Amino acid sequence: MKPYPAEADIDPGAGVMDRNQADLTFLELVDGWLRERLSADKGEILAEMVLYSPGETVALVHKIAENLRRRRTLAAPPVSPIDGHLTAYRQATADFTAFMRGTAATEPETEAIVERMIEMATALAAGPDPATSAGLVRLLTSRPHPDLCTKAGAFASYHKKGKWAAAAKQAGLSKADGDRLNDAADAHYTACCDAWASLLQAAASQVLAALIEEARP
């Protein structure tokens, strides 16, 4: 004997009703779990994420819980240590700074870019330790300096070839020297942007892994 109408094929609509009821019950369980975790000060990553963005965090937890419901063995992709990515960004910024200090020509707009990159590195150093939940979420929600970004929030492309040509000419250098300096500055800028993106991606991976473990039954 089948215990459920849907399984016994007694009522064609019962399958949908039973599935809908099960989904509703599951959502209620997830919401109850969320309230319990937050009220009991459990789940530090969860609490920090809710403080930053309640709606998006709850939606993400629902999605994680639903995926765990379907596949109990669900796991986050491998994570890499934050420290290495922090070091990579700081090193990229230091290399860009050293390059600008060592050039025979002066390009003010690129110097301003370097200053913004340094400010971003300084802000990271002044923030909470990324080894803590607060520090990890703070890192995840960090944004590049607005002067470096497009309206969409992404890093702007580096287009300073004409600026470097003018700077090279003013310094008594050739056009080829200006092109070489532009290419080098572009490479340093790209390295900084890539290191920043990798840093935030590492933070996102760690937060996701922590949330999956918190939500695991």
N, C-alpha and C. Protein backbone atom coordinates (compact mmCIF):
# COMPACT_ATOMS: atom_id res chain seq x y z
N MET A 1 0.85 -1.19 0.00
CA MET A 1 0.00 0.00 0.00
C MET A 1 0.88 1.24 0.00
N LYS A 2 0.53 2.17 -0.86
CA LYS A 2 1.27 3.42 -0.92
C LYS A 2 0.73 4.40 0.11
N PRO A 3 1.57 5.03 0.89
CA PRO A 3 1.10 5.91 1.96
C PRO A 3 0.62 7.27 1.47
N TYR A 4 1.03 7.70 0.27
CA TYR A 4 0.66 9.03 -0.20
C TYR A 4 -0.18 8.93 -1.46
N PRO A 5 -1.22 9.77 -1.58
CA PRO A 5 -2.07 9.76 -2.76
C PRO A 5 -1.29 9.92 -4.06
N ALA A 6 -0.28 10.79 -4.05
CA ALA A 6 0.48 11.03 -5.27
C ALA A 6 1.18 9.76 -5.73
N GLU A 7 1.69 8.99 -4.75
CA GLU A 7 2.41 7.77 -5.10
C GLU A 7 1.44 6.68 -5.55
N ALA A 8 0.21 6.72 -5.05
CA ALA A 8 -0.78 5.71 -5.40
C ALA A 8 -1.52 6.07 -6.67
N ASP A 9 -1.26 7.27 -7.20
CA ASP A 9 -1.94 7.75 -8.41
C ASP A 9 -3.45 7.82 -8.23
N ILE A 10 -3.89 8.11 -7.00
CA ILE A 10 -5.33 8.22 -6.73
C ILE A 10 -5.86 9.54 -7.28
N ASP A 11 -5.10 10.62 -7.07
CA ASP A 11 -5.54 11.95 -7.49
C ASP A 11 -4.45 12.58 -8.34
N PRO A 12 -4.72 12.87 -9.62
CA PRO A 12 -3.69 13.46 -10.49
C PRO A 12 -3.12 14.77 -9.95
N GLY A 13 -3.92 15.52 -9.19
CA GLY A 13 -3.45 16.79 -8.65
C GLY A 13 -2.73 16.65 -7.33
N ALA A 14 -2.78 15.47 -6.75
CA ALA A 14 -2.19 15.30 -5.42
C ALA A 14 -0.67 15.43 -5.46
N GLY A 15 -0.05 15.00 -6.58
CA GLY A 15 1.40 15.09 -6.66
C GLY A 15 1.87 16.52 -6.55
N VAL A 16 1.20 17.40 -7.29
CA VAL A 16 1.57 18.81 -7.23
C VAL A 16 1.32 19.38 -5.85
N MET A 17 0.16 19.04 -5.27
CA MET A 17 -0.17 19.55 -3.94
C MET A 17 0.83 19.06 -2.91
N ASP A 18 1.18 17.78 -2.97
CA ASP A 18 2.13 17.23 -2.00
C ASP A 18 3.50 17.88 -2.16
N ARG A 19 3.92 18.08 -3.39
CA ARG A 19 5.22 18.72 -3.62
C ARG A 19 5.20 20.16 -3.12
N ASN A 20 4.12 20.86 -3.41
CA ASN A 20 4.02 22.25 -2.95
C ASN A 20 4.03 22.33 -1.43
N GLN A 21 3.31 21.40 -0.78
CA GLN A 21 3.27 21.39 0.67
C GLN A 21 4.65 21.07 1.24
N ALA A 22 5.33 20.13 0.60
CA ALA A 22 6.67 19.78 1.07
C ALA A 22 7.63 20.96 0.92
N ASP A 23 7.52 21.66 -0.21
CA ASP A 23 8.38 22.83 -0.42
C ASP A 23 8.09 23.91 0.61
N LEU A 24 6.80 24.12 0.90
CA LEU A 24 6.42 25.14 1.88
C LEU A 24 6.94 24.77 3.26
N THR A 25 6.79 23.51 3.61
CA THR A 25 7.28 23.04 4.91
C THR A 25 8.79 23.21 5.01
N PHE A 26 9.47 22.88 3.92
CA PHE A 26 10.93 23.02 3.90
C PHE A 26 11.34 24.47 4.10
N LEU A 27 10.69 25.39 3.40
CA LEU A 27 11.00 26.82 3.54
C LEU A 27 10.76 27.29 4.97
N GLU A 28 9.69 26.79 5.58
CA GLU A 28 9.40 27.16 6.97
C GLU A 28 10.50 26.65 7.90
N LEU A 29 10.98 25.44 7.62
CA LEU A 29 12.06 24.88 8.44
C LEU A 29 13.33 25.71 8.29
N VAL A 30 13.63 26.10 7.06
CA VAL A 30 14.83 26.91 6.83
C VAL A 30 14.72 28.26 7.53
N ASP A 31 13.55 28.89 7.42
CA ASP A 31 13.35 30.19 8.08
C ASP A 31 13.45 30.05 9.60
N GLY A 32 12.91 28.95 10.12
CA GLY A 32 13.01 28.71 11.56
C GLY A 32 14.45 28.51 11.99
N TRP A 33 15.18 27.77 11.18
CA TRP A 33 16.61 27.55 11.47
C TRP A 33 17.37 28.87 11.45
N LEU A 34 17.07 29.71 10.47
CA LEU A 34 17.73 31.01 10.38
C LEU A 34 17.47 31.85 11.63
N ARG A 35 16.21 31.90 12.05
CA ARG A 35 15.86 32.69 13.24
C ARG A 35 16.57 32.15 14.46
N GLU A 36 16.64 30.83 14.57
CA GLU A 36 17.29 30.21 15.73
C GLU A 36 18.77 30.52 15.76
N ARG A 37 19.42 30.43 14.60
CA ARG A 37 20.86 30.69 14.52
C ARG A 37 21.17 32.14 14.87
N LEU A 38 20.37 33.05 14.35
CA LEU A 38 20.63 34.47 14.58
C LEU A 38 20.30 34.90 16.00
N SER A 39 19.21 34.37 16.56
CA SER A 39 18.82 34.77 17.91
C SER A 39 19.76 34.18 18.96
N ALA A 40 20.36 33.04 18.64
CA ALA A 40 21.26 32.39 19.59
C ALA A 40 22.72 32.79 19.38
N ASP A 41 22.94 33.77 18.49
CA ASP A 41 24.30 34.22 18.18
C ASP A 41 25.17 33.09 17.67
N LYS A 42 24.56 32.17 16.93
CA LYS A 42 25.32 31.10 16.30
C LYS A 42 25.56 31.47 14.84
N GLY A 43 26.59 30.91 14.29
CA GLY A 43 26.86 31.16 12.88
C GLY A 43 27.39 32.55 12.63
N GLU A 44 28.64 32.77 12.94
CA GLU A 44 29.21 34.12 12.84
C GLU A 44 29.18 34.67 11.42
N ILE A 45 29.54 33.85 10.45
CA ILE A 45 29.51 34.30 9.06
C ILE A 45 28.09 34.70 8.67
N LEU A 46 27.14 33.86 9.03
CA LEU A 46 25.74 34.14 8.72
C LEU A 46 25.31 35.47 9.31
N ALA A 47 25.63 35.70 10.58
CA ALA A 47 25.23 36.95 11.25
C ALA A 47 25.88 38.16 10.58
N GLU A 48 27.15 38.04 10.23
CA GLU A 48 27.83 39.16 9.58
C GLU A 48 27.24 39.45 8.21
N MET A 49 26.90 38.41 7.48
CA MET A 49 26.31 38.60 6.16
C MET A 49 24.93 39.24 6.26
N VAL A 50 24.16 38.82 7.25
CA VAL A 50 22.82 39.40 7.44
C VAL A 50 22.92 40.87 7.79
N LEU A 51 23.91 41.23 8.59
CA LEU A 51 24.11 42.64 8.93
C LEU A 51 24.40 43.47 7.69
N TYR A 52 25.15 42.89 6.77
CA TYR A 52 25.53 43.62 5.56
C TYR A 52 24.38 43.68 4.55
N SER A 53 23.75 42.53 4.30
CA SER A 53 22.70 42.47 3.27
C SER A 53 21.69 41.39 3.64
N PRO A 54 20.68 41.72 4.45
CA PRO A 54 19.73 40.73 4.95
C PRO A 54 19.01 39.96 3.84
N GLY A 55 18.41 40.68 2.90
CA GLY A 55 17.61 40.02 1.86
C GLY A 55 18.42 39.07 1.01
N GLU A 56 19.57 39.53 0.53
CA GLU A 56 20.41 38.69 -0.33
C GLU A 56 20.96 37.49 0.43
N THR A 57 21.27 37.69 1.72
CA THR A 57 21.81 36.58 2.52
C THR A 57 20.76 35.50 2.73
N VAL A 58 19.54 35.91 3.08
CA VAL A 58 18.46 34.94 3.29
C VAL A 58 18.19 34.18 1.99
N ALA A 59 18.18 34.88 0.87
CA ALA A 59 17.95 34.22 -0.42
C ALA A 59 19.07 33.22 -0.72
N LEU A 60 20.30 33.60 -0.41
CA LEU A 60 21.44 32.70 -0.64
C LEU A 60 21.34 31.46 0.24
N VAL A 61 20.98 31.65 1.51
CA VAL A 61 20.84 30.51 2.42
C VAL A 61 19.74 29.58 1.94
N HIS A 62 18.63 30.14 1.48
CA HIS A 62 17.55 29.31 0.93
C HIS A 62 18.06 28.48 -0.25
N LYS A 63 18.85 29.12 -1.11
CA LYS A 63 19.38 28.42 -2.28
C LYS A 63 20.33 27.31 -1.86
N ILE A 64 21.20 27.60 -0.89
CA ILE A 64 22.13 26.59 -0.39
C ILE A 64 21.37 25.42 0.23
N ALA A 65 20.37 25.75 1.06
CA ALA A 65 19.60 24.70 1.74
C ALA A 65 18.86 23.83 0.73
N GLU A 66 18.31 24.45 -0.31
CA GLU A 66 17.60 23.70 -1.34
C GLU A 66 18.55 22.76 -2.08
N ASN A 67 19.75 23.24 -2.36
CA ASN A 67 20.73 22.38 -3.03
C ASN A 67 21.20 21.25 -2.13
N LEU A 68 21.35 21.53 -0.82
CA LEU A 68 21.71 20.48 0.12
C LEU A 68 20.59 19.46 0.26
N ARG A 69 19.37 19.93 0.15
CA ARG A 69 18.21 19.04 0.22
C ARG A 69 18.25 18.04 -0.93
N ARG A 70 18.67 18.51 -2.09
CA ARG A 70 18.71 17.65 -3.27
C ARG A 70 19.97 16.79 -3.30
N ARG A 71 21.05 17.33 -2.75
CA ARG A 71 22.33 16.61 -2.79
C ARG A 71 23.09 16.85 -1.50
N ARG A 72 23.00 15.90 -0.58
CA ARG A 72 23.61 16.06 0.74
C ARG A 72 25.12 16.20 0.68
N THR A 73 25.71 15.71 -0.39
CA THR A 73 27.18 15.74 -0.49
C THR A 73 27.69 17.06 -1.10
N LEU A 74 26.78 18.02 -1.30
CA LEU A 74 27.18 19.30 -1.88
C LEU A 74 28.33 19.92 -1.09
N ALA A 75 29.32 20.40 -1.80
CA ALA A 75 30.47 21.05 -1.15
C ALA A 75 30.90 22.25 -1.98
N ALA A 76 31.47 23.22 -1.31
CA ALA A 76 31.97 24.40 -2.01
C ALA A 76 33.25 24.04 -2.76
N PRO A 77 33.58 24.78 -3.80
CA PRO A 77 34.86 24.56 -4.49
C PRO A 77 36.01 24.77 -3.51
N PRO A 78 37.16 24.18 -3.80
CA PRO A 78 38.32 24.37 -2.91
C PRO A 78 38.63 25.85 -2.70
N VAL A 79 38.98 26.20 -1.48
CA VAL A 79 39.28 27.60 -1.17
C VAL A 79 40.79 27.76 -1.01
N SER A 80 41.27 28.96 -1.28
CA SER A 80 42.69 29.25 -1.11
C SER A 80 42.86 30.26 0.01
N PRO A 81 43.97 30.21 0.73
CA PRO A 81 44.18 31.11 1.87
C PRO A 81 44.13 32.58 1.46
N ILE A 82 43.48 33.37 2.29
CA ILE A 82 43.35 34.80 2.02
C ILE A 82 44.71 35.50 2.07
N ASP A 83 45.57 35.07 2.99
CA ASP A 83 46.85 35.76 3.18
C ASP A 83 47.66 35.86 1.90
N GLY A 84 47.68 34.79 1.13
CA GLY A 84 48.44 34.80 -0.11
C GLY A 84 47.91 35.82 -1.10
N HIS A 85 46.60 35.97 -1.15
CA HIS A 85 45.99 36.93 -2.07
C HIS A 85 46.20 38.37 -1.58
N LEU A 86 46.16 38.56 -0.27
CA LEU A 86 46.46 39.88 0.27
C LEU A 86 47.90 40.29 -0.07
N THR A 87 48.81 39.34 0.11
CA THR A 87 50.21 39.61 -0.21
C THR A 87 50.39 39.93 -1.69
N ALA A 88 49.67 39.20 -2.54
CA ALA A 88 49.78 39.41 -3.99
C ALA A 88 49.31 40.81 -4.37
N TYR A 89 48.21 41.26 -3.76
CA TYR A 89 47.72 42.60 -4.10
C TYR A 89 48.70 43.67 -3.60
N ARG A 90 49.17 43.50 -2.38
CA ARG A 90 50.13 44.48 -1.84
C ARG A 90 51.40 44.52 -2.68
N GLN A 91 51.85 43.36 -3.12
CA GLN A 91 53.07 43.31 -3.93
C GLN A 91 52.84 43.97 -5.29
N ALA A 92 51.69 43.71 -5.90
CA ALA A 92 51.38 44.33 -7.19
C ALA A 92 51.35 45.85 -7.07
N THR A 93 50.77 46.33 -5.97
CA THR A 93 50.71 47.77 -5.73
C THR A 93 52.11 48.34 -5.49
N ALA A 94 52.92 47.62 -4.73
CA ALA A 94 54.29 48.07 -4.47
C ALA A 94 55.11 48.10 -5.76
N ASP A 95 54.91 47.11 -6.62
CA ASP A 95 55.64 47.07 -7.89
C ASP A 95 55.23 48.24 -8.79
N PHE A 96 53.94 48.55 -8.81
CA PHE A 96 53.45 49.68 -9.61
C PHE A 96 54.04 50.99 -9.08
N THR A 97 54.07 51.11 -7.76
CA THR A 97 54.64 52.30 -7.13
C THR A 97 56.12 52.45 -7.48
N ALA A 98 56.86 51.36 -7.38
CA ALA A 98 58.30 51.40 -7.68
C ALA A 98 58.54 51.76 -9.14
N PHE A 99 57.70 51.23 -10.02
CA PHE A 99 57.84 51.55 -11.45
C PHE A 99 57.67 53.05 -11.68
N MET A 100 56.62 53.62 -11.08
CA MET A 100 56.35 55.04 -11.30
C MET A 100 57.47 55.92 -10.73
N ARG A 101 58.01 55.50 -9.61
CA ARG A 101 59.09 56.29 -9.01
C ARG A 101 60.38 56.20 -9.82
N GLY A 102 60.51 55.14 -10.60
CA GLY A 102 61.75 54.95 -11.33
C GLY A 102 61.73 55.42 -12.76
N THR A 103 60.58 55.94 -13.22
CA THR A 103 60.51 56.38 -14.62
C THR A 103 61.13 57.77 -14.80
N ALA A 104 61.68 57.99 -15.98
CA ALA A 104 62.28 59.29 -16.29
C ALA A 104 61.21 60.31 -16.66
N ALA A 105 60.01 59.81 -17.01
CA ALA A 105 58.89 60.69 -17.37
C ALA A 105 57.85 60.67 -16.26
N THR A 106 57.07 61.74 -16.19
CA THR A 106 56.02 61.84 -15.17
C THR A 106 54.66 61.88 -15.85
N GLU A 107 53.78 60.94 -15.48
CA GLU A 107 52.43 60.91 -16.04
C GLU A 107 51.44 61.06 -14.88
N PRO A 108 50.89 62.24 -14.67
CA PRO A 108 50.08 62.53 -13.48
C PRO A 108 48.86 61.62 -13.30
N GLU A 109 48.17 61.28 -14.37
CA GLU A 109 46.97 60.47 -14.23
C GLU A 109 47.31 59.06 -13.72
N THR A 110 48.42 58.53 -14.19
CA THR A 110 48.84 57.21 -13.71
C THR A 110 49.33 57.30 -12.27
N GLU A 111 49.97 58.40 -11.93
CA GLU A 111 50.38 58.59 -10.53
C GLU A 111 49.16 58.61 -9.61
N ALA A 112 48.07 59.23 -10.08
CA ALA A 112 46.84 59.27 -9.29
C ALA A 112 46.26 57.87 -9.12
N ILE A 113 46.36 57.06 -10.18
CA ILE A 113 45.88 55.68 -10.10
C ILE A 113 46.65 54.91 -9.04
N VAL A 114 47.97 55.07 -9.04
CA VAL A 114 48.80 54.39 -8.05
C VAL A 114 48.41 54.81 -6.64
N GLU A 115 48.15 56.09 -6.45
CA GLU A 115 47.73 56.57 -5.13
C GLU A 115 46.44 55.90 -4.68
N ARG A 116 45.50 55.75 -5.60
CA ARG A 116 44.23 55.10 -5.25
C ARG A 116 44.46 53.62 -4.88
N MET A 117 45.35 52.96 -5.62
CA MET A 117 45.66 51.56 -5.31
C MET A 117 46.30 51.45 -3.93
N ILE A 118 47.16 52.40 -3.60
CA ILE A 118 47.79 52.41 -2.28
C ILE A 118 46.74 52.62 -1.19
N GLU A 119 45.81 53.52 -1.43
CA GLU A 119 44.74 53.77 -0.46
C GLU A 119 43.91 52.50 -0.23
N MET A 120 43.66 51.75 -1.28
CA MET A 120 42.92 50.50 -1.14
C MET A 120 43.69 49.50 -0.29
N ALA A 121 45.01 49.41 -0.51
CA ALA A 121 45.84 48.51 0.28
C ALA A 121 45.87 48.95 1.74
N THR A 122 45.93 50.25 1.97
CA THR A 122 45.94 50.78 3.33
C THR A 122 44.63 50.48 4.05
N ALA A 123 43.52 50.61 3.33
CA ALA A 123 42.21 50.32 3.92
C ALA A 123 42.10 48.85 4.31
N LEU A 124 42.66 47.97 3.49
CA LEU A 124 42.65 46.55 3.82
C LEU A 124 43.44 46.29 5.10
N ALA A 125 44.59 46.92 5.21
CA ALA A 125 45.44 46.73 6.39
C ALA A 125 44.78 47.27 7.65
N ALA A 126 43.98 48.33 7.50
CA ALA A 126 43.34 48.95 8.66
C ALA A 126 42.07 48.24 9.09
N GLY A 127 41.56 47.35 8.25
CA GLY A 127 40.31 46.66 8.56
C GLY A 127 40.52 45.50 9.51
N PRO A 128 39.42 44.85 9.92
CA PRO A 128 39.52 43.70 10.81
C PRO A 128 40.24 42.54 10.15
N ASP A 129 40.80 41.67 10.95
CA ASP A 129 41.55 40.52 10.47
C ASP A 129 40.65 39.62 9.61
N PRO A 130 41.04 39.33 8.36
CA PRO A 130 40.23 38.46 7.51
C PRO A 130 40.06 37.04 8.05
N ALA A 131 40.87 36.69 9.06
CA ALA A 131 40.71 35.38 9.68
C ALA A 131 39.45 35.32 10.53
N THR A 132 38.88 36.49 10.88
CA THR A 132 37.64 36.55 11.64
C THR A 132 36.46 36.67 10.67
N SER A 133 35.28 36.34 11.17
CA SER A 133 34.08 36.44 10.32
C SER A 133 33.84 37.87 9.88
N ALA A 134 33.99 38.81 10.82
CA ALA A 134 33.78 40.22 10.49
C ALA A 134 34.77 40.69 9.44
N GLY A 135 36.02 40.27 9.58
CA GLY A 135 37.04 40.67 8.63
C GLY A 135 36.83 40.05 7.26
N LEU A 136 36.38 38.80 7.23
CA LEU A 136 36.16 38.12 5.96
C LEU A 136 35.01 38.78 5.19
N VAL A 137 33.92 39.08 5.90
CA VAL A 137 32.78 39.72 5.24
C VAL A 137 33.13 41.15 4.83
N ARG A 138 33.91 41.83 5.67
CA ARG A 138 34.36 43.18 5.31
C ARG A 138 35.18 43.14 4.02
N LEU A 139 36.03 42.13 3.91
CA LEU A 139 36.84 41.98 2.70
C LEU A 139 35.96 41.68 1.50
N LEU A 140 35.01 40.78 1.69
CA LEU A 140 34.10 40.40 0.61
C LEU A 140 33.34 41.60 0.06
N THR A 141 32.99 42.52 0.94
CA THR A 141 32.17 43.67 0.54
C THR A 141 33.01 44.90 0.19
N SER A 142 34.32 44.75 0.18
CA SER A 142 35.19 45.86 -0.21
C SER A 142 35.01 46.18 -1.69
N ARG A 143 35.16 47.43 -2.02
CA ARG A 143 35.01 47.86 -3.41
C ARG A 143 36.24 48.68 -3.83
N PRO A 144 36.60 48.63 -5.09
CA PRO A 144 37.72 49.46 -5.55
C PRO A 144 37.38 50.95 -5.38
N HIS A 145 38.41 51.77 -5.36
CA HIS A 145 38.18 53.21 -5.26
C HIS A 145 37.34 53.66 -6.46
N PRO A 146 36.31 54.46 -6.23
CA PRO A 146 35.43 54.87 -7.34
C PRO A 146 36.15 55.59 -8.47
N ASP A 147 37.26 56.24 -8.17
CA ASP A 147 38.01 56.93 -9.23
C ASP A 147 38.58 55.95 -10.26
N LEU A 148 38.68 54.68 -9.88
CA LEU A 148 39.26 53.68 -10.77
C LEU A 148 38.21 52.89 -11.53
N CYS A 149 36.95 53.19 -11.29
CA CYS A 149 35.88 52.32 -11.78
C CYS A 149 34.99 52.97 -12.84
N THR A 150 34.35 52.12 -13.60
CA THR A 150 33.29 52.55 -14.51
C THR A 150 32.02 52.77 -13.69
N LYS A 151 30.98 53.26 -14.33
CA LYS A 151 29.71 53.46 -13.63
C LYS A 151 29.13 52.15 -13.12
N ALA A 152 29.49 51.05 -13.79
CA ALA A 152 29.00 49.73 -13.37
C ALA A 152 29.77 49.17 -12.18
N GLY A 153 30.85 49.84 -11.80
CA GLY A 153 31.61 49.40 -10.63
C GLY A 153 32.83 48.56 -10.93
N ALA A 154 33.05 48.23 -12.20
CA ALA A 154 34.23 47.44 -12.58
C ALA A 154 35.42 48.37 -12.80
N PHE A 155 36.62 47.79 -12.72
CA PHE A 155 37.80 48.59 -13.01
C PHE A 155 37.74 49.12 -14.45
N ALA A 156 38.06 50.39 -14.60
CA ALA A 156 38.11 50.98 -15.94
C ALA A 156 39.34 50.48 -16.68
N SER A 157 39.25 50.44 -17.99
CA SER A 157 40.41 50.05 -18.80
C SER A 157 41.48 51.15 -18.73
N TYR A 158 42.71 50.74 -18.94
CA TYR A 158 43.82 51.69 -18.90
C TYR A 158 44.10 52.20 -20.31
N HIS A 159 43.83 53.47 -20.54
CA HIS A 159 44.08 54.08 -21.85
C HIS A 159 44.88 55.36 -21.65
N LYS A 160 46.18 55.24 -21.62
CA LYS A 160 47.04 56.40 -21.35
C LYS A 160 48.18 56.53 -22.38
N LYS A 161 48.01 55.91 -23.53
CA LYS A 161 49.10 55.93 -24.51
C LYS A 161 49.47 57.35 -24.92
N GLY A 162 48.45 58.17 -25.19
CA GLY A 162 48.72 59.55 -25.56
C GLY A 162 49.34 60.34 -24.42
N LYS A 163 48.89 60.05 -23.20
CA LYS A 163 49.44 60.74 -22.03
C LYS A 163 50.92 60.41 -21.85
N TRP A 164 51.27 59.15 -22.05
CA TRP A 164 52.67 58.75 -21.90
C TRP A 164 53.53 59.30 -23.04
N ALA A 165 52.95 59.40 -24.22
CA ALA A 165 53.70 59.98 -25.34
C ALA A 165 54.04 61.44 -25.04
N ALA A 166 53.06 62.16 -24.47
CA ALA A 166 53.30 63.56 -24.12
C ALA A 166 54.31 63.67 -22.98
N ALA A 167 54.19 62.77 -22.00
CA ALA A 167 55.11 62.79 -20.86
C ALA A 167 56.53 62.48 -21.31
N ALA A 168 56.65 61.52 -22.23
CA ALA A 168 57.98 61.15 -22.73
C ALA A 168 58.60 62.32 -23.50
N LYS A 169 57.81 62.97 -24.31
CA LYS A 169 58.31 64.11 -25.08
C LYS A 169 58.78 65.23 -24.17
N GLN A 170 58.00 65.49 -23.12
CA GLN A 170 58.36 66.55 -22.18
C GLN A 170 59.66 66.22 -21.45
N ALA A 171 59.91 64.92 -21.25
CA ALA A 171 61.12 64.49 -20.55
C ALA A 171 62.30 64.31 -21.50
N GLY A 172 62.10 64.62 -22.78
CA GLY A 172 63.19 64.47 -23.74
C GLY A 172 63.38 63.05 -24.22
N LEU A 173 62.36 62.23 -24.08
CA LEU A 173 62.45 60.84 -24.51
C LEU A 173 61.77 60.67 -25.87
N SER A 174 62.00 59.52 -26.48
CA SER A 174 61.42 59.25 -27.79
C SER A 174 59.98 58.74 -27.66
N LYS A 175 59.29 58.71 -28.80
CA LYS A 175 57.94 58.16 -28.82
C LYS A 175 57.96 56.68 -28.44
N ALA A 176 59.00 55.99 -28.90
CA ALA A 176 59.13 54.57 -28.56
C ALA A 176 59.26 54.39 -27.05
N ASP A 177 59.99 55.31 -26.40
CA ASP A 177 60.10 55.26 -24.94
C ASP A 177 58.73 55.46 -24.30
N GLY A 178 57.95 56.39 -24.85
CA GLY A 178 56.61 56.63 -24.32
C GLY A 178 55.73 55.40 -24.46
N ASP A 179 55.83 54.72 -25.61
CA ASP A 179 55.05 53.50 -25.82
C ASP A 179 55.48 52.41 -24.83
N ARG A 180 56.79 52.32 -24.63
CA ARG A 180 57.30 51.31 -23.69
C ARG A 180 56.80 51.58 -22.27
N LEU A 181 56.83 52.84 -21.86
CA LEU A 181 56.36 53.20 -20.52
C LEU A 181 54.86 52.94 -20.39
N ASN A 182 54.12 53.24 -21.44
CA ASN A 182 52.68 52.99 -21.41
C ASN A 182 52.38 51.50 -21.26
N ASP A 183 53.10 50.69 -22.03
CA ASP A 183 52.88 49.24 -21.96
C ASP A 183 53.21 48.70 -20.58
N ALA A 184 54.29 49.20 -20.00
CA ALA A 184 54.69 48.74 -18.67
C ALA A 184 53.67 49.17 -17.62
N ALA A 185 53.21 50.42 -17.71
CA ALA A 185 52.21 50.91 -16.75
C ALA A 185 50.91 50.13 -16.88
N ASP A 186 50.52 49.84 -18.12
CA ASP A 186 49.31 49.06 -18.37
C ASP A 186 49.42 47.68 -17.72
N ALA A 187 50.59 47.06 -17.86
CA ALA A 187 50.81 45.74 -17.27
C ALA A 187 50.72 45.79 -15.74
N HIS A 188 51.30 46.82 -15.15
CA HIS A 188 51.24 46.97 -13.69
C HIS A 188 49.79 47.20 -13.23
N TYR A 189 49.08 48.03 -13.95
CA TYR A 189 47.68 48.31 -13.61
C TYR A 189 46.85 47.03 -13.68
N THR A 190 47.03 46.28 -14.76
CA THR A 190 46.30 45.03 -14.92
C THR A 190 46.63 44.05 -13.81
N ALA A 191 47.89 43.99 -13.42
CA ALA A 191 48.30 43.10 -12.33
C ALA A 191 47.61 43.47 -11.02
N CYS A 192 47.49 44.76 -10.75
CA CYS A 192 46.81 45.22 -9.53
C CYS A 192 45.33 44.85 -9.58
N CYS A 193 44.70 45.10 -10.72
CA CYS A 193 43.27 44.79 -10.87
C CYS A 193 43.01 43.29 -10.73
N ASP A 194 43.86 42.49 -11.36
CA ASP A 194 43.70 41.04 -11.29
C ASP A 194 43.91 40.53 -9.87
N ALA A 195 44.90 41.08 -9.18
CA ALA A 195 45.17 40.66 -7.80
C ALA A 195 44.00 41.02 -6.89
N TRP A 196 43.43 42.19 -7.10
CA TRP A 196 42.26 42.60 -6.31
C TRP A 196 41.08 41.66 -6.57
N ALA A 197 40.82 41.36 -7.84
CA ALA A 197 39.72 40.47 -8.19
C ALA A 197 39.92 39.08 -7.59
N SER A 198 41.14 38.58 -7.63
CA SER A 198 41.44 37.26 -7.06
C SER A 198 41.25 37.27 -5.55
N LEU A 199 41.60 38.37 -4.91
CA LEU A 199 41.44 38.50 -3.46
C LEU A 199 39.97 38.42 -3.08
N LEU A 200 39.13 39.17 -3.78
CA LEU A 200 37.70 39.16 -3.47
C LEU A 200 37.06 37.82 -3.82
N GLN A 201 37.55 37.18 -4.88
CA GLN A 201 37.03 35.86 -5.24
C GLN A 201 37.37 34.84 -4.16
N ALA A 202 38.57 34.94 -3.61
CA ALA A 202 38.97 34.03 -2.52
C ALA A 202 38.09 34.26 -1.30
N ALA A 203 37.78 35.52 -1.00
CA ALA A 203 36.91 35.82 0.13
C ALA A 203 35.51 35.26 -0.11
N ALA A 204 35.01 35.42 -1.33
CA ALA A 204 33.68 34.90 -1.66
C ALA A 204 33.63 33.38 -1.52
N SER A 205 34.69 32.71 -1.95
CA SER A 205 34.75 31.25 -1.85
C SER A 205 34.74 30.80 -0.39
N GLN A 206 35.47 31.51 0.46
CA GLN A 206 35.51 31.15 1.87
C GLN A 206 34.17 31.39 2.55
N VAL A 207 33.52 32.50 2.21
CA VAL A 207 32.20 32.78 2.79
C VAL A 207 31.20 31.72 2.35
N LEU A 208 31.20 31.37 1.07
CA LEU A 208 30.28 30.35 0.57
C LEU A 208 30.52 29.01 1.26
N ALA A 209 31.79 28.63 1.40
CA ALA A 209 32.12 27.37 2.06
C ALA A 209 31.62 27.36 3.50
N ALA A 210 31.79 28.49 4.20
CA ALA A 210 31.35 28.58 5.59
C ALA A 210 29.83 28.50 5.69
N LEU A 211 29.12 29.17 4.79
CA LEU A 211 27.66 29.13 4.81
C LEU A 211 27.14 27.73 4.51
N ILE A 212 27.78 27.04 3.57
CA ILE A 212 27.35 25.68 3.25
C ILE A 212 27.51 24.77 4.47
N GLU A 213 28.62 24.91 5.17
CA GLU A 213 28.84 24.08 6.36
C GLU A 213 27.86 24.43 7.47
N GLU A 214 27.53 25.72 7.62
CA GLU A 214 26.55 26.10 8.64
C GLU A 214 25.17 25.56 8.31
N ALA A 215 24.84 25.50 7.03
CA ALA A 215 23.50 25.06 6.62
C ALA A 215 23.39 23.54 6.53
N ARG A 216 24.52 22.85 6.56
CA ARG A 216 24.49 21.40 6.40
C ARG A 216 23.78 20.74 7.58
N PRO A 217 22.84 19.82 7.31
CA PRO A 217 22.09 19.17 8.41
C PRO A 217 23.01 18.38 9.32
